[in-house]
Amino acid sequence: MSTPSPIEERLRAALDARARLIDAHDLSPYRPPNGPAWGARRIRRVVSAVAVTVAAAAAVAFLLLSGSPERPHPAPPARDPRPSPPATSVPSTNTAPPTRPSPTFPPATPPSTSTATQR
């Protein structure tokens, strides 16, 4: 094998010196922090969870309260849903005036079947 270059020898010496500065005490883990029990991340999580819960409750309340029985029924269709007969381009030969339907009267009410009791 060839002899190492002067730069490589200097790098090895510097790394060796740096490695001798570290002992077992430096490699031990740090003690856990003694700061406040509620960190910023925990507070954000709690606030986010509360906000999501409030939003979900509002959505459920809106859906339950919007289906009230006083709500009007949908209007019937504007025209008959059955298909109409195709329009013809031939003019009609019927010259009679259009007939109007006769007015309908409410049905007569039947006489009451209850009898009055006399004393």
Protein backbone atom coordinates (compact mmCIF):
# COMPACT_ATOMS: atom_id res chain seq x y z
CA MET A 1 0.00 0.00 0.00
CA SER A 2 1.16 3.51 -0.65
CA THR A 3 2.09 5.97 2.06
CA PRO A 4 -0.67 8.41 3.09
CA SER A 5 -0.45 11.96 1.85
CA PRO A 6 0.32 14.79 4.29
CA ILE A 7 -3.28 16.06 4.08
CA GLU A 8 -4.63 12.64 4.99
CA GLU A 9 -2.23 12.37 7.94
CA ARG A 10 -3.34 15.79 9.22
CA LEU A 11 -7.04 14.85 8.88
CA ARG A 12 -6.50 11.59 10.77
CA ALA A 13 -4.63 13.38 13.55
CA ALA A 14 -7.38 16.02 13.86
CA LEU A 15 -10.14 13.41 14.01
CA ASP A 16 -8.19 11.37 16.56
CA ALA A 17 -7.69 14.43 18.78
CA ARG A 18 -11.37 15.29 18.53
CA ALA A 19 -12.38 11.73 19.44
CA ARG A 20 -10.18 11.83 22.58
CA LEU A 21 -12.13 14.86 23.85
CA ILE A 22 -15.33 12.79 24.19
CA ASP A 23 -15.75 10.50 27.20
CA ALA A 24 -18.60 8.27 28.52
CA HIS A 25 -20.21 11.15 30.44
CA ASP A 26 -20.68 13.09 27.19
CA LEU A 27 -22.40 10.10 25.59
CA SER A 28 -25.04 9.69 28.34
CA PRO A 29 -28.52 10.96 27.48
CA TYR A 30 -29.71 14.31 28.73
CA ARG A 31 -32.21 14.57 31.53
CA PRO A 32 -35.76 15.32 30.39
CA PRO A 33 -36.67 18.99 30.38
CA ASN A 34 -38.18 20.41 33.54
CA GLY A 35 -40.20 23.11 31.77
CA PRO A 36 -43.94 23.63 31.94
CA ALA A 37 -46.11 20.53 31.53
CA TRP A 38 -48.21 22.16 28.78
CA GLY A 39 -46.10 22.82 25.71
CA ALA A 40 -47.17 24.90 22.75
CA ARG A 41 -47.80 21.81 20.63
CA ARG A 42 -50.05 20.24 23.24
CA ILE A 43 -52.05 23.46 23.58
CA ARG A 44 -52.47 23.64 19.79
CA ARG A 45 -53.66 20.03 19.69
CA VAL A 46 -56.23 20.62 22.43
CA VAL A 47 -57.48 23.84 20.80
CA SER A 48 -57.71 22.09 17.42
CA ALA A 49 -59.63 19.17 18.91
CA VAL A 50 -62.07 21.53 20.65
CA ALA A 51 -62.58 23.53 17.44
CA VAL A 52 -63.28 20.38 15.42
CA THR A 53 -65.72 19.14 18.07
CA VAL A 54 -67.59 22.46 18.13
CA ALA A 55 -67.77 22.53 14.32
CA ALA A 56 -69.11 18.97 14.20
CA ALA A 57 -71.72 19.73 16.87
CA ALA A 58 -72.81 22.85 14.96
CA ALA A 59 -73.14 20.86 11.73
CA VAL A 60 -75.22 18.16 13.44
CA ALA A 61 -77.44 20.77 15.11
CA PHE A 62 -77.95 22.56 11.79
CA LEU A 63 -78.91 19.34 10.03
CA LEU A 64 -81.30 18.30 12.79
CA LEU A 65 -82.96 21.69 13.15
CA SER A 66 -83.24 22.41 9.42
CA GLY A 67 -85.62 19.47 8.93
CA SER A 68 -88.45 21.10 10.90
CA PRO A 69 -92.03 19.96 10.17
CA GLU A 70 -93.18 23.54 9.47
CA ARG A 71 -91.17 23.56 6.29
CA PRO A 72 -93.48 23.92 3.25
CA HIS A 73 -93.86 21.00 0.90
CA PRO A 74 -92.40 21.34 -2.58
CA ALA A 75 -94.69 22.89 -5.16
CA PRO A 76 -96.29 20.51 -7.66
CA PRO A 77 -94.94 20.54 -11.22
CA ALA A 78 -96.05 23.45 -13.38
CA ARG A 79 -97.39 21.21 -16.12
CA ASP A 80 -98.57 17.68 -16.55
CA PRO A 81 -95.54 15.36 -16.44
CA ARG A 82 -97.05 13.08 -19.11
CA PRO A 83 -95.73 13.73 -22.61
CA SER A 84 -98.03 15.87 -24.72
CA PRO A 85 -99.11 14.71 -28.19
CA PRO A 86 -96.81 15.90 -30.95
CA ALA A 87 -97.78 19.22 -32.48
CA THR A 88 -98.97 19.03 -36.07
CA SER A 89 -98.11 21.60 -38.66
CA VAL A 90 -101.39 21.03 -40.55
CA PRO A 91 -104.02 23.63 -39.58
CA SER A 92 -107.17 22.30 -38.01
CA THR A 93 -110.38 22.25 -40.06
CA ASN A 94 -112.55 22.53 -36.98
CA THR A 95 -113.89 26.10 -36.81
CA ALA A 96 -116.13 25.61 -33.81
CA PRO A 97 -115.35 27.82 -30.81
CA PRO A 98 -113.45 26.05 -28.05
CA THR A 99 -115.64 24.52 -25.41
CA ARG A 100 -115.32 25.63 -21.85
CA PRO A 101 -115.70 23.16 -19.04
CA SER A 102 -118.84 23.62 -17.02
CA PRO A 103 -118.27 25.00 -13.54
CA THR A 104 -118.46 22.45 -10.81
CA PHE A 105 -120.45 23.07 -7.70
CA PRO A 106 -119.57 21.65 -4.31
CA PRO A 107 -121.51 18.48 -3.59
CA ALA A 108 -124.62 18.90 -1.53
CA THR A 109 -124.17 18.02 2.10
CA PRO A 110 -126.26 15.04 3.16
CA PRO A 111 -128.85 15.67 5.86
CA SER A 112 -127.61 14.96 9.33
CA THR A 113 -128.49 11.54 10.69
CA SER A 114 -128.48 12.54 14.33
CA THR A 115 -131.83 13.04 16.00
CA ALA A 116 -132.47 15.51 18.71
CA THR A 117 -133.82 14.01 21.89
CA GLN A 118 -136.84 15.64 23.43
CA ARG A 119 -137.64 15.69 27.16
